[in-house]
Amino acid sequence: MSTRMSTVFLSLLLLVVPQVDAKNKKKQLLPDYVLRAERVLVVIHPDASEAVTNPRANFTARDEVERAITKWGRFKLVMDANTAQLIIAVRTGNKSGPIISHSPVDDRPVMTLPSGGDARVGQLPGYPPLTEPLPRAVGDRGPQLGSQIASSDDTFEVYLGGGEYPLDTSPVWRYVAKDALSTPQVAAVEQFRNAIEESEKQHQQKP
């Protein structure tokens, strides 16, 4: 793909997904269903990876985001993917070097309700059915070692809950920045809070 075509594709993608990063402070108007939401599930993105030297990076980031949301007090944290109105997926940034993907450290069972009606916890270790399972010929989401040159920025994505494979849809809001999931501030949660407050003001100002 030519450089020109790559640039055009990236530009179209950024128009589709509302995104905030450290260099882009433009306010995004959030839809009503985000402003009305009360129940939130926080997960590690199924495609997240972390440095081999810090295998608990995503686990820690998820916990810090949950604590920040609890302190905020606007949302109720839930563990049931079926009752979550919003799903927040987090992943920490990685510098170049050895990484582990789908680390078992990230495992945490999530309540699911199969079509048969019997509640159970976690259909796959650490990976609730929030994304469509990979075909057998492609592989699985088990632990994998590798290396990559990737962004060192953290990612915080907000998805609409409900429906099948919600993380396969486009996020309704996204924040990308260095150390965005780190304490003491947990900047991603602060930016999401600002986005909600700004959106509420704009909705109130509408005639």
C-alpha atoms as a PDB file:
ATOM      1  CA  MET A   1       0.000   0.000   0.000  1.00  0.00           C
ATOM      2  CA  SER A   2       1.407   3.392  -0.961  1.00  0.00           C
ATOM      3  CA  THR A   3       2.156   6.069   1.611  1.00  0.00           C
ATOM      4  CA  ARG A   4      -0.617   8.224   0.155  1.00  0.00           C
ATOM      5  CA  MET A   5      -3.208   5.442   0.433  1.00  0.00           C
ATOM      6  CA  SER A   6      -2.108   4.688   4.014  1.00  0.00           C
ATOM      7  CA  THR A   7      -2.578   8.336   4.945  1.00  0.00           C
ATOM      8  CA  VAL A   8      -6.058   8.441   3.410  1.00  0.00           C
ATOM      9  CA  PHE A   9      -7.086   5.244   5.234  1.00  0.00           C
ATOM     10  CA  LEU A  10      -5.830   6.559   8.589  1.00  0.00           C
ATOM     11  CA  SER A  11      -7.676   9.837   8.081  1.00  0.00           C
ATOM     12  CA  LEU A  12     -10.950   8.021   7.393  1.00  0.00           C
ATOM     13  CA  LEU A  13     -10.476   5.835  10.462  1.00  0.00           C
ATOM     14  CA  LEU A  14      -9.964   8.818  12.749  1.00  0.00           C
ATOM     15  CA  LEU A  15     -13.167  10.370  11.431  1.00  0.00           C
ATOM     16  CA  VAL A  16     -15.135   7.248  12.394  1.00  0.00           C
ATOM     17  CA  VAL A  17     -13.854   6.742  15.948  1.00  0.00           C
ATOM     18  CA  PRO A  18     -14.187   9.617  18.465  1.00  0.00           C
ATOM     19  CA  GLN A  19     -10.725   9.880  19.977  1.00  0.00           C
ATOM     20  CA  VAL A  20      -8.804  12.086  22.356  1.00  0.00           C
ATOM     21  CA  ASP A  21      -5.063  11.998  22.757  1.00  0.00           C
ATOM     22  CA  ALA A  22      -2.464  14.120  24.494  1.00  0.00           C
ATOM     23  CA  LYS A  23      -2.164  16.389  21.437  1.00  0.00           C
ATOM     24  CA  ASN A  24      -5.872  16.616  20.643  1.00  0.00           C
ATOM     25  CA  LYS A  25      -7.990  18.395  23.235  1.00  0.00           C
ATOM     26  CA  LYS A  26     -11.044  18.879  21.014  1.00  0.00           C
ATOM     27  CA  LYS A  27     -14.227  18.104  22.930  1.00  0.00           C
ATOM     28  CA  GLN A  28     -16.323  15.180  21.714  1.00  0.00           C
ATOM     29  CA  LEU A  29     -20.085  15.172  22.074  1.00  0.00           C
ATOM     30  CA  LEU A  30     -21.099  11.832  23.572  1.00  0.00           C
ATOM     31  CA  PRO A  31     -24.416  10.181  22.659  1.00  0.00           C
ATOM     32  CA  ASP A  32     -27.355  10.116  25.063  1.00  0.00           C
ATOM     33  CA  TYR A  33     -27.010   6.425  25.897  1.00  0.00           C
ATOM     34  CA  VAL A  34     -23.540   7.091  27.328  1.00  0.00           C
ATOM     35  CA  LEU A  35     -24.857   9.939  29.473  1.00  0.00           C
ATOM     36  CA  ARG A  36     -27.734   7.775  30.719  1.00  0.00           C
ATOM     37  CA  ALA A  37     -25.601   4.726  31.478  1.00  0.00           C
ATOM     38  CA  GLU A  38     -25.296   3.563  35.079  1.00  0.00           C
ATOM     39  CA  ARG A  39     -23.546   0.174  34.936  1.00  0.00           C
ATOM     40  CA  VAL A  40     -20.004  -0.286  33.647  1.00  0.00           C
ATOM     41  CA  LEU A  41     -17.797  -3.320  33.142  1.00  0.00           C
ATOM     42  CA  VAL A  42     -14.020  -2.794  32.977  1.00  0.00           C
ATOM     43  CA  VAL A  43     -11.972  -5.389  31.093  1.00  0.00           C
ATOM     44  CA  ILE A  44      -8.506  -5.867  29.687  1.00  0.00           C
ATOM     45  CA  HIS A  45      -8.778  -5.750  25.922  1.00  0.00           C
ATOM     46  CA  PRO A  46      -8.500  -9.316  24.556  1.00  0.00           C
ATOM     47  CA  ASP A  47      -5.740  -8.245  22.168  1.00  0.00           C
ATOM     48  CA  ALA A  48      -3.677  -6.531  24.869  1.00  0.00           C
ATOM     49  CA  SER A  49      -0.073  -7.474  25.527  1.00  0.00           C
ATOM     50  CA  GLU A  50       2.534  -6.465  28.061  1.00  0.00           C
ATOM     51  CA  ALA A  51       6.280  -6.546  28.472  1.00  0.00           C
ATOM     52  CA  VAL A  52       7.672  -9.833  29.726  1.00  0.00           C
ATOM     53  CA  THR A  53       9.402  -7.823  32.461  1.00  0.00           C
ATOM     54  CA  ASN A  54       6.032  -6.455  33.664  1.00  0.00           C
ATOM     55  CA  PRO A  55       3.406  -9.188  33.118  1.00  0.00           C
ATOM     56  CA  ARG A  56       0.920  -7.574  35.518  1.00  0.00           C
ATOM     57  CA  ALA A  57       0.787  -4.224  33.678  1.00  0.00           C
ATOM     58  CA  ASN A  58      -2.720  -4.659  32.242  1.00  0.00           C
ATOM     59  CA  PHE A  59      -4.016  -6.314  35.412  1.00  0.00           C
ATOM     60  CA  THR A  60      -2.806  -3.355  37.464  1.00  0.00           C
ATOM     61  CA  ALA A  61      -4.179  -0.825  34.951  1.00  0.00           C
ATOM     62  CA  ARG A  62      -7.646  -2.401  35.074  1.00  0.00           C
ATOM     63  CA  ASP A  63      -7.655  -2.268  38.868  1.00  0.00           C
ATOM     64  CA  GLU A  64      -6.568   1.377  38.896  1.00  0.00           C
ATOM     65  CA  VAL A  65      -9.297   2.293  36.403  1.00  0.00           C
ATOM     66  CA  GLU A  66     -11.899   0.520  38.537  1.00  0.00           C
ATOM     67  CA  ARG A  67     -10.737   2.363  41.650  1.00  0.00           C
ATOM     68  CA  ALA A  68     -10.860   5.708  39.838  1.00  0.00           C
ATOM     69  CA  ILE A  69     -14.374   5.011  38.553  1.00  0.00           C
ATOM     70  CA  THR A  70     -15.510   3.975  42.029  1.00  0.00           C
ATOM     71  CA  LYS A  71     -14.057   7.186  43.490  1.00  0.00           C
ATOM     72  CA  TRP A  72     -15.818   9.188  40.765  1.00  0.00           C
ATOM     73  CA  GLY A  73     -19.144   7.743  41.917  1.00  0.00           C
ATOM     74  CA  ARG A  74     -21.096   8.169  38.681  1.00  0.00           C
ATOM     75  CA  PHE A  75     -21.133   4.531  37.596  1.00  0.00           C
ATOM     76  CA  LYS A  76     -21.744   1.220  39.305  1.00  0.00           C
ATOM     77  CA  LEU A  77     -19.098  -1.376  38.499  1.00  0.00           C
ATOM     78  CA  VAL A  78     -20.546  -4.736  37.469  1.00  0.00           C
ATOM     79  CA  MET A  79     -19.028  -8.134  36.712  1.00  0.00           C
ATOM     80  CA  ASP A  80     -21.857  -9.285  34.467  1.00  0.00           C
ATOM     81  CA  ALA A  81     -21.260  -8.642  30.785  1.00  0.00           C
ATOM     82  CA  ASN A  82     -24.975  -8.978  30.108  1.00  0.00           C
ATOM     83  CA  THR A  83     -26.035  -6.164  32.440  1.00  0.00           C
ATOM     84  CA  ALA A  84     -23.224  -3.712  31.633  1.00  0.00           C
ATOM     85  CA  GLN A  85     -24.503  -0.704  29.699  1.00  0.00           C
ATOM     86  CA  LEU A  86     -20.959   0.371  28.893  1.00  0.00           C
ATOM     87  CA  ILE A  87     -17.807  -1.715  28.583  1.00  0.00           C
ATOM     88  CA  ILE A  88     -14.434  -0.065  29.137  1.00  0.00           C
ATOM     89  CA  ALA A  89     -11.486  -1.907  27.599  1.00  0.00           C
ATOM     90  CA  VAL A  90      -7.977  -0.974  28.684  1.00  0.00           C
ATOM     91  CA  ARG A  91      -4.517  -1.858  27.478  1.00  0.00           C
ATOM     92  CA  THR A  92      -1.132  -0.531  28.504  1.00  0.00           C
ATOM     93  CA  GLY A  93       1.465   0.701  26.062  1.00  0.00           C
ATOM     94  CA  ASN A  94       4.552  -1.324  25.255  1.00  0.00           C
ATOM     95  CA  LYS A  95       7.981  -0.281  24.186  1.00  0.00           C
ATOM     96  CA  SER A  96       9.921  -2.451  21.770  1.00  0.00           C
ATOM     97  CA  GLY A  97      11.106  -5.747  23.188  1.00  0.00           C
ATOM     98  CA  PRO A  98       9.822  -9.145  24.330  1.00  0.00           C
ATOM     99  CA  ILE A  99       6.096  -9.234  25.108  1.00  0.00           C
ATOM    100  CA  ILE A 100       3.487 -11.716  26.259  1.00  0.00           C
ATOM    101  CA  SER A 101       0.004 -11.666  24.757  1.00  0.00           C
ATOM    102  CA  HIS A 102      -3.116 -13.064  26.464  1.00  0.00           C
ATOM    103  CA  SER A 103      -1.260 -13.533  29.716  1.00  0.00           C
ATOM    104  CA  PRO A 104      -2.937 -15.837  32.263  1.00  0.00           C
ATOM    105  CA  VAL A 105      -2.227 -13.123  34.826  1.00  0.00           C
ATOM    106  CA  ASP A 106      -5.022 -11.142  33.160  1.00  0.00           C
ATOM    107  CA  ASP A 107      -7.572 -13.889  33.809  1.00  0.00           C
ATOM    108  CA  ARG A 108     -10.655 -12.933  35.731  1.00  0.00           C
ATOM    109  CA  PRO A 109     -13.957 -14.788  35.277  1.00  0.00           C
ATOM    110  CA  VAL A 110     -16.883 -12.719  33.991  1.00  0.00           C
ATOM    111  CA  MET A 111     -20.505 -13.721  34.460  1.00  0.00           C
ATOM    112  CA  THR A 112     -22.206 -14.790  31.230  1.00  0.00           C
ATOM    113  CA  LEU A 113     -25.694 -16.049  30.466  1.00  0.00           C
ATOM    114  CA  PRO A 114     -25.753 -18.642  27.661  1.00  0.00           C
ATOM    115  CA  SER A 115     -28.809 -19.114  25.466  1.00  0.00           C
ATOM    116  CA  GLY A 116     -29.873 -22.085  27.579  1.00  0.00           C
ATOM    117  CA  GLY A 117     -30.484 -19.757  30.541  1.00  0.00           C
ATOM    118  CA  ASP A 118     -28.020 -21.312  33.017  1.00  0.00           C
ATOM    119  CA  ALA A 119     -25.670 -18.711  34.496  1.00  0.00           C
ATOM    120  CA  ARG A 120     -21.997 -19.621  34.549  1.00  0.00           C
ATOM    121  CA  VAL A 121     -18.681 -17.890  35.083  1.00  0.00           C
ATOM    122  CA  GLY A 122     -16.284 -17.398  32.201  1.00  0.00           C
ATOM    123  CA  GLN A 123     -16.574 -19.513  29.060  1.00  0.00           C
ATOM    124  CA  LEU A 124     -12.871 -19.127  28.277  1.00  0.00           C
ATOM    125  CA  PRO A 125     -10.161 -18.426  30.892  1.00  0.00           C
ATOM    126  CA  GLY A 126      -9.737 -14.683  31.118  1.00  0.00           C
ATOM    127  CA  TYR A 127     -11.602 -13.979  27.885  1.00  0.00           C
ATOM    128  CA  PRO A 128     -15.350 -13.488  28.212  1.00  0.00           C
ATOM    129  CA  PRO A 129     -17.294 -13.673  24.935  1.00  0.00           C
ATOM    130  CA  LEU A 130     -16.880  -9.985  24.200  1.00  0.00           C
ATOM    131  CA  THR A 131     -15.141 -10.702  20.888  1.00  0.00           C
ATOM    132  CA  GLU A 132     -15.879 -13.362  18.309  1.00  0.00           C
ATOM    133  CA  PRO A 133     -13.750 -16.514  18.847  1.00  0.00           C
ATOM    134  CA  LEU A 134     -10.975 -17.034  16.333  1.00  0.00           C
ATOM    135  CA  PRO A 135     -11.407 -19.871  13.822  1.00  0.00           C
ATOM    136  CA  ARG A 136      -9.380 -22.987  14.593  1.00  0.00           C
ATOM    137  CA  ALA A 137      -7.272 -22.499  11.479  1.00  0.00           C
ATOM    138  CA  VAL A 138      -6.240 -19.031  12.630  1.00  0.00           C
ATOM    139  CA  GLY A 139      -5.238 -19.931  16.169  1.00  0.00           C
ATOM    140  CA  ASP A 140      -6.409 -19.125  19.673  1.00  0.00           C
ATOM    141  CA  ARG A 141      -6.046 -16.456  22.302  1.00  0.00           C
ATOM    142  CA  GLY A 142      -3.845 -18.501  24.587  1.00  0.00           C
ATOM    143  CA  PRO A 143      -0.624 -17.059  26.090  1.00  0.00           C
ATOM    144  CA  GLN A 144       1.957 -16.226  23.423  1.00  0.00           C
ATOM    145  CA  LEU A 145       5.481 -14.860  23.619  1.00  0.00           C
ATOM    146  CA  GLY A 146       6.779 -12.551  20.945  1.00  0.00           C
ATOM    147  CA  SER A 147       8.398  -9.214  20.221  1.00  0.00           C
ATOM    148  CA  GLN A 148       7.118  -6.036  18.685  1.00  0.00           C
ATOM    149  CA  ILE A 149       7.760  -2.366  18.118  1.00  0.00           C
ATOM    150  CA  ALA A 150       4.618  -0.728  19.456  1.00  0.00           C
ATOM    151  CA  SER A 151       3.328   2.504  20.872  1.00  0.00           C
ATOM    152  CA  SER A 152       4.195   3.248  24.483  1.00  0.00           C
ATOM    153  CA  ASP A 153       0.832   4.994  24.930  1.00  0.00           C
ATOM    154  CA  ASP A 154      -1.965   3.517  27.054  1.00  0.00           C
ATOM    155  CA  THR A 155      -5.416   3.034  25.525  1.00  0.00           C
ATOM    156  CA  PHE A 156      -8.843   3.482  27.159  1.00  0.00           C
ATOM    157  CA  GLU A 157     -11.860   2.596  24.987  1.00  0.00           C
ATOM    158  CA  VAL A 158     -15.564   2.837  25.780  1.00  0.00           C
ATOM    159  CA  TYR A 159     -17.968   0.464  24.041  1.00  0.00           C
ATOM    160  CA  LEU A 160     -21.729   0.103  24.113  1.00  0.00           C
ATOM    161  CA  GLY A 161     -22.683  -2.903  26.233  1.00  0.00           C
ATOM    162  CA  GLY A 162     -25.187  -5.567  25.251  1.00  0.00           C
ATOM    163  CA  GLY A 163     -25.445  -7.420  22.011  1.00  0.00           C
ATOM    164  CA  GLU A 164     -23.108 -10.053  20.660  1.00  0.00           C
ATOM    165  CA  TYR A 165     -19.346  -9.465  20.708  1.00  0.00           C
ATOM    166  CA  PRO A 166     -19.499  -5.792  21.755  1.00  0.00           C
ATOM    167  CA  LEU A 167     -15.730  -5.287  21.504  1.00  0.00           C
ATOM    168  CA  ASP A 168     -15.868  -6.103  17.798  1.00  0.00           C
ATOM    169  CA  THR A 169     -17.766  -2.845  17.232  1.00  0.00           C
ATOM    170  CA  SER A 170     -16.233   0.635  17.071  1.00  0.00           C
ATOM    171  CA  PRO A 171     -15.674   2.347  20.444  1.00  0.00           C
ATOM    172  CA  VAL A 172     -17.926   5.305  21.184  1.00  0.00           C
ATOM    173  CA  TRP A 173     -15.051   7.130  22.892  1.00  0.00           C
ATOM    174  CA  ARG A 174     -11.315   6.580  23.022  1.00  0.00           C
ATOM    175  CA  TYR A 175      -8.393   8.130  24.866  1.00  0.00           C
ATOM    176  CA  VAL A 176      -4.750   7.429  24.021  1.00  0.00           C
ATOM    177  CA  ALA A 177      -1.824   8.912  25.926  1.00  0.00           C
ATOM    178  CA  LYS A 178       1.355   7.969  27.739  1.00  0.00           C
ATOM    179  CA  ASP A 179       0.691   6.708  31.296  1.00  0.00           C
ATOM    180  CA  ALA A 180      -3.048   7.385  30.853  1.00  0.00           C
ATOM    181  CA  LEU A 181      -3.920   4.412  33.078  1.00  0.00           C
ATOM    182  CA  SER A 182      -1.405   5.114  35.835  1.00  0.00           C
ATOM    183  CA  THR A 183      -1.956   6.454  39.324  1.00  0.00           C
ATOM    184  CA  PRO A 184      -2.335   8.786  41.033  1.00  0.00           C
ATOM    185  CA  GLN A 185      -4.421  10.643  38.476  1.00  0.00           C
ATOM    186  CA  VAL A 186      -5.535   7.901  36.038  1.00  0.00           C
ATOM    187  CA  ALA A 187      -5.794  10.526  33.312  1.00  0.00           C
ATOM    188  CA  ALA A 188      -8.008   8.409  31.046  1.00  0.00           C
ATOM    189  CA  VAL A 189     -10.809   8.354  33.623  1.00  0.00           C
ATOM    190  CA  GLU A 190     -10.416  12.093  34.211  1.00  0.00           C
ATOM    191  CA  GLN A 191     -10.660  12.768  30.483  1.00  0.00           C
ATOM    192  CA  PHE A 192     -13.748  10.562  30.194  1.00  0.00           C
ATOM    193  CA  ARG A 193     -15.304  12.421  33.092  1.00  0.00           C
ATOM    194  CA  ASN A 194     -14.553  15.746  31.392  1.00  0.00           C
ATOM    195  CA  ALA A 195     -16.036  14.471  28.132  1.00  0.00           C
ATOM    196  CA  ILE A 196     -19.261  13.470  29.891  1.00  0.00           C
ATOM    197  CA  GLU A 197     -19.541  16.783  31.735  1.00  0.00           C
ATOM    198  CA  GLU A 198     -18.893  18.758  28.544  1.00  0.00           C
ATOM    199  CA  SER A 199     -21.425  16.670  26.619  1.00  0.00           C
ATOM    200  CA  GLU A 200     -24.058  17.227  29.299  1.00  0.00           C
ATOM    201  CA  LYS A 201     -23.507  20.986  29.099  1.00  0.00           C
ATOM    202  CA  GLN A 202     -23.857  20.939  25.328  1.00  0.00           C
ATOM    203  CA  HIS A 203     -27.026  18.856  25.523  1.00  0.00           C
ATOM    204  CA  GLN A 204     -28.500  21.297  28.054  1.00  0.00           C
ATOM    205  CA  GLN A 205     -27.706  24.247  25.780  1.00  0.00           C
ATOM    206  CA  LYS A 206     -29.578  22.750  22.841  1.00  0.00           C
ATOM    207  CA  PRO A 207     -32.939  24.492  22.140  1.00  0.00           C
END
